[in-house]
Amino acid sequence: MYFDRKCKITFICHGSTIFSEEGRFSDLDNHPPLNENGVDEIKKICDYLKRRQVKNDKIYSSSASRCIQSAKFVSKVYKKDFEVIDLKPRKCGSFSGLTFEQIEAKFPDKLKSLINEPNVPVPEDAESVTNFIKRVSETISKIVEENQGNRVIIVTHPDVIKAAVCDAINVNYSSFQRIYIKTGSATQISYFESWKSLIYSDYTPL
């Protein structure tokens, strides 16, 4: 039926790191770890999950150390283990480690392409925004099919959540860079048979 929900997913963005606080691109799995502020952010989002009594049947985590660190806190809330999945951020190639400001200073034309041309890999050794969103959508679709009737938590990266939002509400992929997802935030999407509904996005507990 049209209004029969297949699965509800609460996406938890990992806590802050030295890279996220400086606004740096990063697609590395093993660096950087959560910083002190990042641990505090995840503790607050866990308190939010408890207060709101957010129900959960399954917990997944992206493979990066910052996600796994965050998922360990979430798993304690529900007293259950989490499963590590291949849900990586957009491959950013030679832009990895750089800030938007550094890219704008060194490669102003490439920055314009990154923002306005989602089909183009920017830089050349990176993953295009379009291919990235499609990759994330395929992985999430598999999770939804494997969790019919379940409530799921996925601890992951800001980029992955932005991709899930783009896919859920059918926004133009050129708007990807204009979506903001803060570290230590929660975003919830319901998945139905032929449509998706964004319940809330980027909620950050005080």
C-alpha atoms as a PDB file:
ATOM      1  CA  MET A   1       0.000   0.000   0.000  1.00  0.00           C
ATOM      2  CA  TYR A   2       1.078   3.574  -0.749  1.00  0.00           C
ATOM      3  CA  PHE A   3       1.231   4.636   2.911  1.00  0.00           C
ATOM      4  CA  ASP A   4       2.711   1.415   4.299  1.00  0.00           C
ATOM      5  CA  ARG A   5       6.136   2.253   5.656  1.00  0.00           C
ATOM      6  CA  LYS A   6       8.867  -0.236   4.825  1.00  0.00           C
ATOM      7  CA  CYS A   7      11.560   1.114   7.129  1.00  0.00           C
ATOM      8  CA  LYS A   8      12.459   4.159   9.200  1.00  0.00           C
ATOM      9  CA  ILE A   9      16.111   5.204   9.388  1.00  0.00           C
ATOM     10  CA  THR A  10      17.628   7.607  11.897  1.00  0.00           C
ATOM     11  CA  PHE A  11      20.973   8.792  10.574  1.00  0.00           C
ATOM     12  CA  ILE A  12      23.426   9.851  13.280  1.00  0.00           C
ATOM     13  CA  CYS A  13      26.341  11.982  12.109  1.00  0.00           C
ATOM     14  CA  HIS A  14      29.622  11.108  13.803  1.00  0.00           C
ATOM     15  CA  GLY A  15      31.055  13.548  16.335  1.00  0.00           C
ATOM     16  CA  SER A  16      33.431  16.331  15.408  1.00  0.00           C
ATOM     17  CA  THR A  17      37.111  15.895  14.528  1.00  0.00           C
ATOM     18  CA  ILE A  18      39.942  18.329  13.905  1.00  0.00           C
ATOM     19  CA  PHE A  19      39.097  18.131  10.187  1.00  0.00           C
ATOM     20  CA  SER A  20      35.376  18.788  10.558  1.00  0.00           C
ATOM     21  CA  GLU A  21      35.999  21.744  12.867  1.00  0.00           C
ATOM     22  CA  GLU A  22      38.332  23.251  10.259  1.00  0.00           C
ATOM     23  CA  GLY A  23      35.959  22.446   7.391  1.00  0.00           C
ATOM     24  CA  ARG A  24      38.411  20.119   5.647  1.00  0.00           C
ATOM     25  CA  PHE A  25      37.516  17.509   3.036  1.00  0.00           C
ATOM     26  CA  SER A  26      38.339  13.983   4.129  1.00  0.00           C
ATOM     27  CA  ASP A  27      37.660  10.509   2.787  1.00  0.00           C
ATOM     28  CA  LEU A  28      40.124   8.692   5.043  1.00  0.00           C
ATOM     29  CA  ASP A  29      38.958   5.736   7.125  1.00  0.00           C
ATOM     30  CA  ASN A  30      41.534   5.827   9.926  1.00  0.00           C
ATOM     31  CA  HIS A  31      41.986   9.588  10.470  1.00  0.00           C
ATOM     32  CA  PRO A  32      41.078  11.791  12.178  1.00  0.00           C
ATOM     33  CA  PRO A  33      39.434  10.328  15.299  1.00  0.00           C
ATOM     34  CA  LEU A  34      36.825  12.119  17.402  1.00  0.00           C
ATOM     35  CA  ASN A  35      38.154  15.039  19.396  1.00  0.00           C
ATOM     36  CA  GLU A  36      36.946  16.030  22.868  1.00  0.00           C
ATOM     37  CA  ASN A  37      34.104  18.094  21.446  1.00  0.00           C
ATOM     38  CA  GLY A  38      33.115  15.179  19.210  1.00  0.00           C
ATOM     39  CA  VAL A  39      32.774  12.837  22.183  1.00  0.00           C
ATOM     40  CA  ASP A  40      30.604  15.440  23.933  1.00  0.00           C
ATOM     41  CA  GLU A  41      28.401  15.768  20.813  1.00  0.00           C
ATOM     42  CA  ILE A  42      27.794  12.034  20.634  1.00  0.00           C
ATOM     43  CA  LYS A  43      26.985  11.825  24.344  1.00  0.00           C
ATOM     44  CA  LYS A  44      24.360  14.548  23.809  1.00  0.00           C
ATOM     45  CA  ILE A  45      22.812  12.785  20.811  1.00  0.00           C
ATOM     46  CA  CYS A  46      22.683   9.567  22.862  1.00  0.00           C
ATOM     47  CA  ASP A  47      20.864  11.444  25.628  1.00  0.00           C
ATOM     48  CA  TYR A  48      18.440  12.673  22.953  1.00  0.00           C
ATOM     49  CA  LEU A  49      17.811   9.094  21.766  1.00  0.00           C
ATOM     50  CA  LYS A  50      17.038   8.092  25.353  1.00  0.00           C
ATOM     51  CA  ARG A  51      14.751  11.053  26.081  1.00  0.00           C
ATOM     52  CA  ARG A  52      12.809  10.708  22.855  1.00  0.00           C
ATOM     53  CA  GLN A  53      12.728   6.929  23.295  1.00  0.00           C
ATOM     54  CA  VAL A  54      13.770   6.519  19.671  1.00  0.00           C
ATOM     55  CA  LYS A  55      13.039   2.879  18.951  1.00  0.00           C
ATOM     56  CA  ASN A  56      15.587   0.722  17.189  1.00  0.00           C
ATOM     57  CA  ASP A  57      15.851  -2.775  15.765  1.00  0.00           C
ATOM     58  CA  LYS A  58      19.270  -2.586  14.107  1.00  0.00           C
ATOM     59  CA  ILE A  59      22.375  -0.373  14.275  1.00  0.00           C
ATOM     60  CA  TYR A  60      24.808   0.096  11.403  1.00  0.00           C
ATOM     61  CA  SER A  61      28.012   2.105  11.220  1.00  0.00           C
ATOM     62  CA  SER A  62      30.258   3.294   8.424  1.00  0.00           C
ATOM     63  CA  SER A  63      33.748   1.837   8.631  1.00  0.00           C
ATOM     64  CA  ALA A  64      35.712   5.017   9.456  1.00  0.00           C
ATOM     65  CA  SER A  65      37.183   5.131  12.946  1.00  0.00           C
ATOM     66  CA  ARG A  66      35.256   8.341  13.799  1.00  0.00           C
ATOM     67  CA  CYS A  67      31.986   6.570  12.930  1.00  0.00           C
ATOM     68  CA  ILE A  68      32.849   3.417  14.839  1.00  0.00           C
ATOM     69  CA  GLN A  69      33.834   5.484  17.883  1.00  0.00           C
ATOM     70  CA  SER A  70      30.452   7.221  17.691  1.00  0.00           C
ATOM     71  CA  ALA A  71      28.543   3.972  17.100  1.00  0.00           C
ATOM     72  CA  LYS A  72      30.003   2.476  20.275  1.00  0.00           C
ATOM     73  CA  PHE A  73      28.250   5.173  22.313  1.00  0.00           C
ATOM     74  CA  VAL A  74      24.972   4.598  20.452  1.00  0.00           C
ATOM     75  CA  SER A  75      25.189   0.831  20.911  1.00  0.00           C
ATOM     76  CA  LYS A  76      25.401   1.288  24.679  1.00  0.00           C
ATOM     77  CA  VAL A  77      22.049   3.115  24.622  1.00  0.00           C
ATOM     78  CA  TYR A  78      20.349   0.073  23.096  1.00  0.00           C
ATOM     79  CA  LYS A  79      22.590  -2.563  24.665  1.00  0.00           C
ATOM     80  CA  LYS A  80      23.179  -4.179  21.290  1.00  0.00           C
ATOM     81  CA  ASP A  81      26.068  -4.525  18.854  1.00  0.00           C
ATOM     82  CA  PHE A  82      26.323  -2.652  15.579  1.00  0.00           C
ATOM     83  CA  GLU A  83      27.205  -3.889  12.103  1.00  0.00           C
ATOM     84  CA  VAL A  84      29.930  -2.171  10.077  1.00  0.00           C
ATOM     85  CA  ILE A  85      28.888  -1.448   6.487  1.00  0.00           C
ATOM     86  CA  ASP A  86      30.604  -0.105   3.387  1.00  0.00           C
ATOM     87  CA  LEU A  87      29.098   3.380   3.428  1.00  0.00           C
ATOM     88  CA  LYS A  88      32.012   5.705   2.820  1.00  0.00           C
ATOM     89  CA  PRO A  89      32.005   9.475   2.234  1.00  0.00           C
ATOM     90  CA  ARG A  90      32.474  10.881  -1.261  1.00  0.00           C
ATOM     91  CA  LYS A  91      35.951  10.148  -2.554  1.00  0.00           C
ATOM     92  CA  CYS A  92      37.493  13.616  -2.742  1.00  0.00           C
ATOM     93  CA  GLY A  93      40.838  12.681  -4.291  1.00  0.00           C
ATOM     94  CA  SER A  94      43.569  15.319  -4.137  1.00  0.00           C
ATOM     95  CA  PHE A  95      41.197  17.702  -2.307  1.00  0.00           C
ATOM     96  CA  SER A  96      41.443  15.488   0.781  1.00  0.00           C
ATOM     97  CA  GLY A  97      42.752  17.508   3.709  1.00  0.00           C
ATOM     98  CA  LEU A  98      41.980  20.886   2.097  1.00  0.00           C
ATOM     99  CA  THR A  99      39.401  23.450   3.202  1.00  0.00           C
ATOM    100  CA  PHE A 100      36.898  25.180   0.904  1.00  0.00           C
ATOM    101  CA  GLU A 101      38.931  28.376   1.345  1.00  0.00           C
ATOM    102  CA  GLN A 102      42.161  26.678   0.245  1.00  0.00           C
ATOM    103  CA  ILE A 103      40.441  25.146  -2.775  1.00  0.00           C
ATOM    104  CA  GLU A 104      38.919  28.503  -3.710  1.00  0.00           C
ATOM    105  CA  ALA A 105      42.350  30.165  -3.501  1.00  0.00           C
ATOM    106  CA  LYS A 106      44.175  27.492  -5.494  1.00  0.00           C
ATOM    107  CA  PHE A 107      41.482  26.160  -7.838  1.00  0.00           C
ATOM    108  CA  PRO A 108      38.612  28.689  -8.122  1.00  0.00           C
ATOM    109  CA  ASP A 109      37.276  27.196 -11.380  1.00  0.00           C
ATOM    110  CA  LYS A 110      37.272  23.697  -9.918  1.00  0.00           C
ATOM    111  CA  LEU A 111      35.374  24.872  -6.866  1.00  0.00           C
ATOM    112  CA  LYS A 112      32.669  26.316  -9.132  1.00  0.00           C
ATOM    113  CA  SER A 113      32.484  22.992 -10.971  1.00  0.00           C
ATOM    114  CA  LEU A 114      32.288  21.073  -7.692  1.00  0.00           C
ATOM    115  CA  ILE A 115      29.299  23.144  -6.587  1.00  0.00           C
ATOM    116  CA  ASN A 116      27.454  23.495  -9.895  1.00  0.00           C
ATOM    117  CA  GLU A 117      28.336  20.406 -11.975  1.00  0.00           C
ATOM    118  CA  PRO A 118      27.405  17.279 -10.011  1.00  0.00           C
ATOM    119  CA  ASN A 119      28.058  14.956 -12.961  1.00  0.00           C
ATOM    120  CA  VAL A 120      31.722  16.002 -13.197  1.00  0.00           C
ATOM    121  CA  PRO A 121      34.385  14.396 -10.946  1.00  0.00           C
ATOM    122  CA  VAL A 122      36.076  17.321  -9.165  1.00  0.00           C
ATOM    123  CA  PRO A 123      39.035  17.016  -8.907  1.00  0.00           C
ATOM    124  CA  GLU A 124      39.712  14.488 -11.654  1.00  0.00           C
ATOM    125  CA  ASP A 125      40.693  11.759  -9.180  1.00  0.00           C
ATOM    126  CA  ALA A 126      37.507  12.229  -7.121  1.00  0.00           C
ATOM    127  CA  GLU A 127      34.013  10.741  -7.268  1.00  0.00           C
ATOM    128  CA  SER A 128      31.333  12.848  -8.933  1.00  0.00           C
ATOM    129  CA  VAL A 129      28.496  14.015  -6.680  1.00  0.00           C
ATOM    130  CA  THR A 130      25.985  12.219  -8.915  1.00  0.00           C
ATOM    131  CA  ASN A 131      27.824   8.886  -8.689  1.00  0.00           C
ATOM    132  CA  PHE A 132      28.247   9.332  -4.951  1.00  0.00           C
ATOM    133  CA  ILE A 133      24.530   9.962  -4.333  1.00  0.00           C
ATOM    134  CA  LYS A 134      23.647   6.945  -6.488  1.00  0.00           C
ATOM    135  CA  ARG A 135      26.125   4.789  -4.549  1.00  0.00           C
ATOM    136  CA  VAL A 136      24.686   5.846  -1.206  1.00  0.00           C
ATOM    137  CA  SER A 137      21.124   5.340  -2.479  1.00  0.00           C
ATOM    138  CA  GLU A 138      21.906   1.789  -3.612  1.00  0.00           C
ATOM    139  CA  THR A 139      23.406   0.866  -0.237  1.00  0.00           C
ATOM    140  CA  ILE A 140      20.519   2.368   1.710  1.00  0.00           C
ATOM    141  CA  SER A 141      17.989   0.618  -0.548  1.00  0.00           C
ATOM    142  CA  LYS A 142      19.607  -2.719   0.342  1.00  0.00           C
ATOM    143  CA  ILE A 143      19.411  -1.882   4.041  1.00  0.00           C
ATOM    144  CA  VAL A 144      15.732  -0.960   3.684  1.00  0.00           C
ATOM    145  CA  GLU A 145      14.950  -4.229   1.883  1.00  0.00           C
ATOM    146  CA  GLU A 146      16.743  -6.195   4.611  1.00  0.00           C
ATOM    147  CA  ASN A 147      14.866  -4.377   7.370  1.00  0.00           C
ATOM    148  CA  GLN A 148      11.210  -4.482   6.322  1.00  0.00           C
ATOM    149  CA  GLY A 149       9.120  -3.071   9.163  1.00  0.00           C
ATOM    150  CA  ASN A 150      12.198  -2.182  11.222  1.00  0.00           C
ATOM    151  CA  ARG A 151      13.536   1.008  12.746  1.00  0.00           C
ATOM    152  CA  VAL A 152      17.211   1.411  11.932  1.00  0.00           C
ATOM    153  CA  ILE A 153      20.049   3.658  13.090  1.00  0.00           C
ATOM    154  CA  ILE A 154      22.982   4.365  10.780  1.00  0.00           C
ATOM    155  CA  VAL A 155      26.019   6.160  12.222  1.00  0.00           C
ATOM    156  CA  THR A 156      27.801   7.762   9.303  1.00  0.00           C
ATOM    157  CA  HIS A 157      29.358  10.818   7.630  1.00  0.00           C
ATOM    158  CA  PRO A 158      27.840  14.252   6.886  1.00  0.00           C
ATOM    159  CA  ASP A 159      28.235  13.642   3.125  1.00  0.00           C
ATOM    160  CA  VAL A 160      26.386  10.322   3.311  1.00  0.00           C
ATOM    161  CA  ILE A 161      23.473  11.946   5.145  1.00  0.00           C
ATOM    162  CA  LYS A 162      23.399  14.813   2.624  1.00  0.00           C
ATOM    163  CA  ALA A 163      23.213  12.226  -0.163  1.00  0.00           C
ATOM    164  CA  ALA A 164      20.354  10.422   1.617  1.00  0.00           C
ATOM    165  CA  VAL A 165      18.457  13.709   1.949  1.00  0.00           C
ATOM    166  CA  CYS A 166      18.979  14.541  -1.747  1.00  0.00           C
ATOM    167  CA  ASP A 167      17.662  11.131  -2.710  1.00  0.00           C
ATOM    168  CA  ALA A 168      14.714  11.257  -0.297  1.00  0.00           C
ATOM    169  CA  ILE A 169      13.252  14.572  -1.439  1.00  0.00           C
ATOM    170  CA  ASN A 170      14.393  14.475  -5.065  1.00  0.00           C
ATOM    171  CA  VAL A 171      16.352  17.720  -4.982  1.00  0.00           C
ATOM    172  CA  ASN A 172      18.637  18.603  -7.854  1.00  0.00           C
ATOM    173  CA  TYR A 173      22.060  17.124  -7.208  1.00  0.00           C
ATOM    174  CA  SER A 174      23.619  20.552  -7.748  1.00  0.00           C
ATOM    175  CA  SER A 175      22.087  21.441  -4.364  1.00  0.00           C
ATOM    176  CA  PHE A 176      24.208  18.817  -2.590  1.00  0.00           C
ATOM    177  CA  GLN A 177      26.837  21.301  -1.385  1.00  0.00           C
ATOM    178  CA  ARG A 178      24.086  23.599  -0.074  1.00  0.00           C
ATOM    179  CA  ILE A 179      22.759  21.028   2.397  1.00  0.00           C
ATOM    180  CA  TYR A 180      24.280  21.345   5.855  1.00  0.00           C
ATOM    181  CA  ILE A 181      24.656  18.418   8.230  1.00  0.00           C
ATOM    182  CA  LYS A 182      26.406  19.125  11.505  1.00  0.00           C
ATOM    183  CA  THR A 183      28.502  16.596  13.379  1.00  0.00           C
ATOM    184  CA  GLY A 184      26.667  15.026  16.300  1.00  0.00           C
ATOM    185  CA  SER A 185      23.267  15.546  14.675  1.00  0.00           C
ATOM    186  CA  ALA A 186      20.283  13.338  13.862  1.00  0.00           C
ATOM    187  CA  THR A 187      18.330  13.083  10.597  1.00  0.00           C
ATOM    188  CA  GLN A 188      15.329  10.803  10.130  1.00  0.00           C
ATOM    189  CA  ILE A 189      13.852   9.470   6.888  1.00  0.00           C
ATOM    190  CA  SER A 190      10.905   7.105   6.398  1.00  0.00           C
ATOM    191  CA  TYR A 191      11.011   4.762   3.413  1.00  0.00           C
ATOM    192  CA  PHE A 192       7.765   3.647   1.776  1.00  0.00           C
ATOM    193  CA  GLU A 193       7.056   1.353  -1.168  1.00  0.00           C
ATOM    194  CA  SER A 194       7.343   4.055  -3.835  1.00  0.00           C
ATOM    195  CA  TRP A 195       8.367   7.218  -1.998  1.00  0.00           C
ATOM    196  CA  LYS A 196      10.380   8.625   0.911  1.00  0.00           C
ATOM    197  CA  SER A 197       9.672  11.226   3.558  1.00  0.00           C
ATOM    198  CA  LEU A 198      12.196  13.435   5.338  1.00  0.00           C
ATOM    199  CA  ILE A 199      10.922  13.644   8.926  1.00  0.00           C
ATOM    200  CA  TYR A 200      13.614  15.969  10.287  1.00  0.00           C
ATOM    201  CA  SER A 201      17.177  16.899   9.398  1.00  0.00           C
ATOM    202  CA  ASP A 202      20.321  18.032  11.237  1.00  0.00           C
ATOM    203  CA  TYR A 203      18.731  18.052  14.699  1.00  0.00           C
ATOM    204  CA  THR A 204      21.425  18.926  17.191  1.00  0.00           C
ATOM    205  CA  PRO A 205      20.723  18.620  20.936  1.00  0.00           C
ATOM    206  CA  LEU A 206      21.774  21.580  23.070  1.00  0.00           C
END
